[in-house]
C-alpha atoms as a PDB file:
ATOM      1  CA  MET A   1      10.350 -22.827  70.005  1.00  0.00           C
ATOM      2  CA  ARG A   2       7.598 -20.306  69.287  1.00  0.00           C
ATOM      3  CA  LEU A   3       9.222 -17.733  71.593  1.00  0.00           C
ATOM      4  CA  LYS A   4      12.565 -18.234  69.822  1.00  0.00           C
ATOM      5  CA  LEU A   5      10.882 -17.686  66.453  1.00  0.00           C
ATOM      6  CA  ILE A   6       9.231 -14.481  67.681  1.00  0.00           C
ATOM      7  CA  ARG A   7      12.579 -13.211  68.990  1.00  0.00           C
ATOM      8  CA  THR A   8      14.243 -14.022  65.663  1.00  0.00           C
ATOM      9  CA  ILE A   9      11.566 -12.144  63.709  1.00  0.00           C
ATOM     10  CA  ALA A  10      11.789  -9.186  66.084  1.00  0.00           C
ATOM     11  CA  THR A  11      15.581  -9.064  65.760  1.00  0.00           C
ATOM     12  CA  THR A  12      15.410  -9.241  61.974  1.00  0.00           C
ATOM     13  CA  PHE A  13      12.854  -6.438  61.883  1.00  0.00           C
ATOM     14  CA  LEU A  14      14.995  -4.297  64.196  1.00  0.00           C
ATOM     15  CA  VAL A  15      18.043  -4.791  61.976  1.00  0.00           C
ATOM     16  CA  PHE A  16      15.974  -3.823  58.921  1.00  0.00           C
ATOM     17  CA  ILE A  17      14.604  -0.672  60.541  1.00  0.00           C
ATOM     18  CA  THR A  18      18.075   0.265  61.811  1.00  0.00           C
ATOM     19  CA  SER A  19      19.548  -0.102  58.326  1.00  0.00           C
ATOM     20  CA  LEU A  20      16.838   2.174  56.919  1.00  0.00           C
ATOM     21  CA  ALA A  21      17.542   4.728  59.629  1.00  0.00           C
ATOM     22  CA  VAL A  22      21.240   4.726  58.774  1.00  0.00           C
ATOM     23  CA  ALA A  23      20.430   5.274  55.105  1.00  0.00           C
ATOM     24  CA  GLN A  24      17.903   8.012  55.798  1.00  0.00           C
ATOM     25  CA  LYS A  25      19.322   9.887  58.781  1.00  0.00           C
ATOM     26  CA  ASP A  26      21.126  12.304  56.468  1.00  0.00           C
ATOM     27  CA  TRP A  27      18.693  12.115  53.568  1.00  0.00           C
ATOM     28  CA  ASN A  28      19.611  15.547  52.219  1.00  0.00           C
ATOM     29  CA  THR A  29      23.335  14.762  52.144  1.00  0.00           C
ATOM     30  CA  ILE A  30      24.276  14.061  48.533  1.00  0.00           C
ATOM     31  CA  TYR A  31      28.053  14.364  48.839  1.00  0.00           C
ATOM     32  CA  SER A  32      30.101  11.346  49.834  1.00  0.00           C
ATOM     33  CA  LYS A  33      33.658  10.080  49.504  1.00  0.00           C
ATOM     34  CA  ASN A  34      32.108   6.758  48.413  1.00  0.00           C
ATOM     35  CA  ASP A  35      30.749   8.119  45.144  1.00  0.00           C
ATOM     36  CA  ILE A  36      31.738   6.006  42.157  1.00  0.00           C
ATOM     37  CA  SER A  37      30.495   8.588  39.685  1.00  0.00           C
ATOM     38  CA  ARG A  38      28.603  11.866  39.672  1.00  0.00           C
ATOM     39  CA  ASP A  39      26.992  13.335  36.576  1.00  0.00           C
ATOM     40  CA  SER A  40      25.113  16.578  36.062  1.00  0.00           C
ATOM     41  CA  LEU A  41      22.865  16.516  33.014  1.00  0.00           C
ATOM     42  CA  SER A  42      20.520  19.217  31.733  1.00  0.00           C
ATOM     43  CA  ARG A  43      17.851  18.996  29.053  1.00  0.00           C
ATOM     44  CA  LYS A  44      15.174  21.539  28.154  1.00  0.00           C
ATOM     45  CA  GLY A  45      15.147  23.331  31.482  1.00  0.00           C
ATOM     46  CA  TYR A  46      15.511  20.280  33.716  1.00  0.00           C
ATOM     47  CA  THR A  47      18.663  19.160  35.523  1.00  0.00           C
ATOM     48  CA  LEU A  48      19.412  15.699  36.865  1.00  0.00           C
ATOM     49  CA  ILE A  49      22.258  14.997  39.259  1.00  0.00           C
ATOM     50  CA  PHE A  50      22.915  11.263  38.984  1.00  0.00           C
ATOM     51  CA  ILE A  51      25.153   9.821  41.706  1.00  0.00           C
ATOM     52  CA  ASN A  52      26.298   6.216  41.697  1.00  0.00           C
ATOM     53  CA  LYS A  53      27.711   4.669  44.875  1.00  0.00           C
ATOM     54  CA  ASP A  54      27.797   1.095  43.594  1.00  0.00           C
ATOM     55  CA  LYS A  55      30.897   0.043  41.659  1.00  0.00           C
ATOM     56  CA  SER A  56      29.111  -2.902  40.025  1.00  0.00           C
ATOM     57  CA  PHE A  57      26.134  -0.887  38.778  1.00  0.00           C
ATOM     58  CA  ASP A  58      25.402  -1.572  35.117  1.00  0.00           C
ATOM     59  CA  LYS A  59      26.143   1.408  32.847  1.00  0.00           C
ATOM     60  CA  GLN A  60      23.290   0.601  30.503  1.00  0.00           C
ATOM     61  CA  VAL A  61      20.809   0.442  33.366  1.00  0.00           C
ATOM     62  CA  GLN A  62      22.123   3.794  34.547  1.00  0.00           C
ATOM     63  CA  GLN A  63      21.567   5.301  31.114  1.00  0.00           C
ATOM     64  CA  ASN A  64      18.089   3.793  30.939  1.00  0.00           C
ATOM     65  CA  LEU A  65      17.179   5.386  34.282  1.00  0.00           C
ATOM     66  CA  ILE A  66      18.499   8.737  33.096  1.00  0.00           C
ATOM     67  CA  ASN A  67      16.540   8.518  29.851  1.00  0.00           C
ATOM     68  CA  THR A  68      13.399   7.562  31.757  1.00  0.00           C
ATOM     69  CA  PHE A  69      13.727  10.600  33.983  1.00  0.00           C
ATOM     70  CA  PHE A  70      14.045  13.030  31.093  1.00  0.00           C
ATOM     71  CA  THR A  71      11.172  11.332  29.255  1.00  0.00           C
ATOM     72  CA  VAL A  72       8.580  11.230  32.026  1.00  0.00           C
ATOM     73  CA  TYR A  73       9.409  13.915  34.581  1.00  0.00           C
ATOM     74  CA  PRO A  74       8.702  16.933  32.322  1.00  0.00           C
ATOM     75  CA  LYS A  75       5.368  15.343  31.366  1.00  0.00           C
ATOM     76  CA  GLU A  76       4.461  14.799  35.019  1.00  0.00           C
ATOM     77  CA  VAL A  77       5.361  18.391  35.849  1.00  0.00           C
ATOM     78  CA  ARG A  78       3.302  19.826  32.983  1.00  0.00           C
ATOM     79  CA  LEU A  79       0.224  17.772  33.828  1.00  0.00           C
ATOM     80  CA  TYR A  80       0.244  17.656  37.616  1.00  0.00           C
ATOM     81  CA  ASN A  81       2.299  20.531  39.058  1.00  0.00           C
ATOM     82  CA  HIS A  82       4.009  23.102  36.852  1.00  0.00           C
ATOM     83  CA  ARG A  83       5.749  24.533  39.938  1.00  0.00           C
ATOM     84  CA  SER A  84       7.601  21.320  40.673  1.00  0.00           C
ATOM     85  CA  LEU A  85      11.376  21.245  41.089  1.00  0.00           C
ATOM     86  CA  LYS A  86      13.460  21.674  37.967  1.00  0.00           C
ATOM     87  CA  LYS A  87      16.497  20.025  39.576  1.00  0.00           C
ATOM     88  CA  VAL A  88      16.337  16.424  40.832  1.00  0.00           C
ATOM     89  CA  VAL A  89      18.924  14.110  42.380  1.00  0.00           C
ATOM     90  CA  ILE A  90      18.962  10.339  41.857  1.00  0.00           C
ATOM     91  CA  ILE A  91      21.346   8.312  44.006  1.00  0.00           C
ATOM     92  CA  ILE A  92      22.185   4.655  43.519  1.00  0.00           C
ATOM     93  CA  ASP A  93      22.654   3.985  47.208  1.00  0.00           C
ATOM     94  CA  PRO A  94      23.715   0.592  48.645  1.00  0.00           C
ATOM     95  CA  ASP A  95      22.829   1.858  52.129  1.00  0.00           C
ATOM     96  CA  TYR A  96      19.182   2.095  51.172  1.00  0.00           C
ATOM     97  CA  LYS A  97      17.572  -1.335  51.674  1.00  0.00           C
ATOM     98  CA  GLY A  98      14.111  -0.783  50.243  1.00  0.00           C
ATOM     99  CA  VAL A  99      13.428  -0.643  46.502  1.00  0.00           C
ATOM    100  CA  ALA A 100      13.445   3.133  46.110  1.00  0.00           C
ATOM    101  CA  ALA A 101      12.256   6.161  48.041  1.00  0.00           C
ATOM    102  CA  THR A 102      11.975   9.892  47.561  1.00  0.00           C
ATOM    103  CA  SER A 103      12.251  12.942  49.788  1.00  0.00           C
ATOM    104  CA  ASP A 104      13.109  16.604  49.212  1.00  0.00           C
ATOM    105  CA  GLY A 105      13.864  16.191  45.529  1.00  0.00           C
ATOM    106  CA  ILE A 106      16.193  13.240  46.129  1.00  0.00           C
ATOM    107  CA  VAL A 107      15.469   9.720  44.909  1.00  0.00           C
ATOM    108  CA  ARG A 108      17.438   6.863  46.440  1.00  0.00           C
ATOM    109  CA  VAL A 109      17.473   3.569  44.569  1.00  0.00           C
ATOM    110  CA  ASN A 110      18.706   0.271  45.985  1.00  0.00           C
ATOM    111  CA  PRO A 111      21.269  -1.076  43.470  1.00  0.00           C
ATOM    112  CA  GLU A 112      20.559  -4.641  44.570  1.00  0.00           C
ATOM    113  CA  TRP A 113      16.988  -4.260  43.339  1.00  0.00           C
ATOM    114  CA  MET A 114      18.202  -3.034  39.976  1.00  0.00           C
ATOM    115  CA  HIS A 115      20.748  -5.865  39.744  1.00  0.00           C
ATOM    116  CA  LYS A 116      17.876  -8.319  40.117  1.00  0.00           C
ATOM    117  CA  HIS A 117      15.355  -6.301  38.084  1.00  0.00           C
ATOM    118  CA  PRO A 118      17.348  -4.363  35.466  1.00  0.00           C
ATOM    119  CA  LYS A 119      14.256  -3.839  33.318  1.00  0.00           C
ATOM    120  CA  ASP A 120      12.362  -2.048  36.087  1.00  0.00           C
ATOM    121  CA  ILE A 121      13.359   1.409  34.885  1.00  0.00           C
ATOM    122  CA  ASP A 122       9.887   2.821  35.516  1.00  0.00           C
ATOM    123  CA  VAL A 123      10.571   2.682  39.218  1.00  0.00           C
ATOM    124  CA  ILE A 124      11.840   6.192  38.412  1.00  0.00           C
ATOM    125  CA  THR A 125       8.482   7.138  36.881  1.00  0.00           C
ATOM    126  CA  HIS A 126       6.805   6.311  40.198  1.00  0.00           C
ATOM    127  CA  GLU A 127       9.414   7.936  42.421  1.00  0.00           C
ATOM    128  CA  VAL A 128       9.761  11.273  40.640  1.00  0.00           C
ATOM    129  CA  MET A 129       5.973  11.600  40.674  1.00  0.00           C
ATOM    130  CA  HIS A 130       6.336  11.946  44.440  1.00  0.00           C
ATOM    131  CA  ILE A 131       8.453  15.042  43.793  1.00  0.00           C
ATOM    132  CA  VAL A 132       5.711  16.422  41.570  1.00  0.00           C
ATOM    133  CA  GLN A 133       3.033  15.619  44.155  1.00  0.00           C
ATOM    134  CA  ALA A 134       4.753  17.713  46.832  1.00  0.00           C
ATOM    135  CA  TYR A 135       1.909  17.087  49.271  1.00  0.00           C
ATOM    136  CA  PRO A 136       2.150  18.936  52.585  1.00  0.00           C
ATOM    137  CA  GLU A 137       2.036  17.070  55.866  1.00  0.00           C
ATOM    138  CA  ASN A 138      -1.382  15.618  56.698  1.00  0.00           C
ATOM    139  CA  ALA A 139      -2.669  16.348  53.191  1.00  0.00           C
ATOM    140  CA  GLY A 140      -4.589  13.077  53.095  1.00  0.00           C
ATOM    141  CA  PRO A 141      -4.233   9.299  53.366  1.00  0.00           C
ATOM    142  CA  GLY A 142      -1.076   7.614  52.153  1.00  0.00           C
ATOM    143  CA  TRP A 143      -2.989   5.164  49.970  1.00  0.00           C
ATOM    144  CA  ILE A 144      -3.967   8.064  47.739  1.00  0.00           C
ATOM    145  CA  THR A 145      -0.367   9.248  47.453  1.00  0.00           C
ATOM    146  CA  GLU A 146       0.951   5.850  46.414  1.00  0.00           C
ATOM    147  CA  GLY A 147      -2.105   5.035  44.327  1.00  0.00           C
ATOM    148  CA  ILE A 148      -1.616   8.175  42.255  1.00  0.00           C
ATOM    149  CA  ALA A 149       2.098   7.469  41.780  1.00  0.00           C
ATOM    150  CA  ASP A 150       1.351   3.990  40.411  1.00  0.00           C
ATOM    151  CA  TYR A 151      -1.532   5.365  38.325  1.00  0.00           C
ATOM    152  CA  VAL A 152       0.972   7.729  36.720  1.00  0.00           C
ATOM    153  CA  ARG A 153       3.396   4.866  36.181  1.00  0.00           C
ATOM    154  CA  TYR A 154       0.590   2.975  34.431  1.00  0.00           C
ATOM    155  CA  LYS A 155      -0.247   5.968  32.232  1.00  0.00           C
ATOM    156  CA  MET A 156       3.245   7.333  31.542  1.00  0.00           C
ATOM    157  CA  GLY A 157       5.600   4.396  32.071  1.00  0.00           C
ATOM    158  CA  VAL A 158       8.311   4.097  29.433  1.00  0.00           C
ATOM    159  CA  ASP A 159       8.131   0.313  29.263  1.00  0.00           C
ATOM    160  CA  ASN A 160       6.035  -1.355  31.942  1.00  0.00           C
ATOM    161  CA  THR A 161       5.364  -4.322  29.660  1.00  0.00           C
ATOM    162  CA  PHE A 162       9.068  -4.975  29.115  1.00  0.00           C
ATOM    163  CA  SER A 163       9.649  -5.094  32.869  1.00  0.00           C
ATOM    164  CA  GLY A 164       6.616  -7.303  33.549  1.00  0.00           C
ATOM    165  CA  TRP A 165       4.866  -4.576  35.566  1.00  0.00           C
ATOM    166  CA  ARG A 166       1.080  -4.469  35.310  1.00  0.00           C
ATOM    167  CA  LEU A 167      -1.994  -3.533  37.268  1.00  0.00           C
ATOM    168  CA  PRO A 168      -3.372  -6.522  39.186  1.00  0.00           C
ATOM    169  CA  ASP A 169      -6.697  -8.133  38.421  1.00  0.00           C
ATOM    170  CA  TYR A 170      -9.389  -7.434  40.983  1.00  0.00           C
ATOM    171  CA  ASN A 171     -10.004  -9.960  43.742  1.00  0.00           C
ATOM    172  CA  SER A 172     -12.280  -9.904  46.764  1.00  0.00           C
ATOM    173  CA  LYS A 173      -9.398  -9.656  49.248  1.00  0.00           C
ATOM    174  CA  GLN A 174      -8.434  -6.235  47.956  1.00  0.00           C
ATOM    175  CA  ASN A 175      -9.506  -2.832  49.242  1.00  0.00           C
ATOM    176  CA  TYR A 176      -8.999   0.655  47.863  1.00  0.00           C
ATOM    177  CA  THR A 177      -6.803   1.425  50.872  1.00  0.00           C
ATOM    178  CA  ASP A 178      -4.240  -1.186  49.746  1.00  0.00           C
ATOM    179  CA  ALA A 179      -2.422   1.611  47.860  1.00  0.00           C
ATOM    180  CA  TYR A 180       0.045   1.239  44.968  1.00  0.00           C
ATOM    181  CA  ARG A 181      -1.202  -0.841  42.012  1.00  0.00           C
ATOM    182  CA  VAL A 182      -4.490  -1.948  43.614  1.00  0.00           C
ATOM    183  CA  THR A 183      -5.533   1.654  44.204  1.00  0.00           C
ATOM    184  CA  ALA A 184      -4.120   2.756  40.848  1.00  0.00           C
ATOM    185  CA  ARG A 185      -6.354   0.270  39.041  1.00  0.00           C
ATOM    186  CA  PHE A 186      -9.359   1.526  40.997  1.00  0.00           C
ATOM    187  CA  PHE A 187      -8.548   5.094  39.910  1.00  0.00           C
ATOM    188  CA  VAL A 188      -8.359   3.960  36.279  1.00  0.00           C
ATOM    189  CA  TRP A 189     -11.782   2.339  36.661  1.00  0.00           C
ATOM    190  CA  ILE A 190     -13.326   5.455  38.243  1.00  0.00           C
ATOM    191  CA  GLU A 191     -12.072   7.626  35.387  1.00  0.00           C
ATOM    192  CA  LYS A 192     -13.450   5.185  32.844  1.00  0.00           C
ATOM    193  CA  ASN A 193     -16.878   4.874  34.448  1.00  0.00           C
ATOM    194  CA  TYR A 194     -17.526   8.073  36.389  1.00  0.00           C
ATOM    195  CA  LYS A 195     -15.156  11.011  36.024  1.00  0.00           C
ATOM    196  CA  ARG A 196     -12.501  11.775  33.454  1.00  0.00           C
ATOM    197  CA  ASN A 197      -9.393  13.512  34.838  1.00  0.00           C
ATOM    198  CA  LEU A 198     -10.405  12.643  38.398  1.00  0.00           C
ATOM    199  CA  VAL A 199      -6.817  11.847  39.398  1.00  0.00           C
ATOM    200  CA  LYS A 200      -5.655  15.278  38.295  1.00  0.00           C
ATOM    201  CA  LYS A 201      -8.301  16.885  40.525  1.00  0.00           C
ATOM    202  CA  LEU A 202      -7.480  14.514  43.374  1.00  0.00           C
ATOM    203  CA  ASN A 203      -3.803  15.396  43.083  1.00  0.00           C
ATOM    204  CA  THR A 204      -4.614  19.109  43.329  1.00  0.00           C
ATOM    205  CA  ALA A 205      -6.895  18.575  46.328  1.00  0.00           C
ATOM    206  CA  MET A 206      -4.136  16.691  48.123  1.00  0.00           C
ATOM    207  CA  ARG A 207      -1.524  19.351  47.416  1.00  0.00           C
ATOM    208  CA  ASP A 208      -3.670  22.312  48.518  1.00  0.00           C
ATOM    209  CA  LYS A 209      -4.983  20.331  51.534  1.00  0.00           C
ATOM    210  CA  SER A 210      -8.616  20.630  50.471  1.00  0.00           C
ATOM    211  CA  TYR A 211      -9.106  16.858  50.264  1.00  0.00           C
ATOM    212  CA  ASN A 212     -11.702  15.203  52.484  1.00  0.00           C
ATOM    213  CA  THR A 213     -14.019  12.238  52.047  1.00  0.00           C
ATOM    214  CA  ALA A 214     -16.668  14.479  50.482  1.00  0.00           C
ATOM    215  CA  PHE A 215     -14.396  14.766  47.430  1.00  0.00           C
ATOM    216  CA  TRP A 216     -15.682  11.514  45.977  1.00  0.00           C
ATOM    217  CA  ASN A 217     -19.369  12.390  46.239  1.00  0.00           C
ATOM    218  CA  LYS A 218     -18.756  15.831  44.804  1.00  0.00           C
ATOM    219  CA  GLU A 219     -16.871  14.483  41.779  1.00  0.00           C
ATOM    220  CA  THR A 220     -18.747  11.228  41.102  1.00  0.00           C
ATOM    221  CA  GLY A 221     -22.043  11.348  42.981  1.00  0.00           C
ATOM    222  CA  LYS A 222     -20.984   8.388  45.125  1.00  0.00           C
ATOM    223  CA  THR A 223     -18.995   7.849  48.297  1.00  0.00           C
ATOM    224  CA  ILE A 224     -15.651   6.085  48.048  1.00  0.00           C
ATOM    225  CA  ASP A 225     -17.187   2.940  49.546  1.00  0.00           C
ATOM    226  CA  GLN A 226     -20.075   2.995  47.079  1.00  0.00           C
ATOM    227  CA  LEU A 227     -17.580   3.341  44.236  1.00  0.00           C
ATOM    228  CA  TRP A 228     -15.594   0.367  45.525  1.00  0.00           C
ATOM    229  CA  THR A 229     -18.754  -1.737  45.768  1.00  0.00           C
ATOM    230  CA  ALA A 230     -19.630  -0.905  42.163  1.00  0.00           C
ATOM    231  CA  TYR A 231     -16.054  -1.664  41.130  1.00  0.00           C
ATOM    232  CA  SER A 232     -16.161  -5.056  42.825  1.00  0.00           C
ATOM    233  CA  VAL A 233     -19.276  -6.004  40.811  1.00  0.00           C
ATOM    234  CA  ASN A 234     -17.783  -5.045  37.435  1.00  0.00           C
ATOM    235  CA  PRO A 235     -14.053  -4.285  37.697  1.00  0.00           C
ATOM    236  CA  LEU A 236     -13.214  -4.291  33.992  1.00  0.00           C
ATOM    237  CA  ILE A 237     -11.003  -1.445  32.838  1.00  0.00           C
END
């Protein structure tokens, strides 16, 4: 029975990974005969190509995602990387089975996620920050990348409250390497207690590949582990 369960889990995982590979094997391909709609929109020097491949995708949700892009992306560019791309592609892609992902200036969003979570428009705030980050290969640990993206969602999100998105309360099972919202909250705490604008400096260090573990001591006077210990004692933000 146990062996059968293991085989079932392994098969399910293989199917999942295969589906992701199918969706991502031609990541840069944005033209398809399956497009339901394709819009090119430009505002104040920025262009968004919005492609919908899902015939049941809600028009209002689509407009909300577009509005979110034009609200937050220029702010992210100005604050974190003024050389970032001025043209971005967002694809509502049924072949993508995660929530959303970004590569080479292209954001793919799973329509099923948006069907179930139509208020989660700030998923775009997180994803386009990855375009702004533009970190080279081996720039630093992934938990920093995702932690910064969720930190920016927390700071710049159009309506996190409306969607029910929030930073999690601290608990002893967490670690700064957990990434996403856990790490984002830790970054908020560090800026409150030790170093204003630390995330901006961290973002730059990641992009120019100057990041190493000495960064934390240089900027705050403590190692990353010492900061986490202090955070765990008094995690209020």
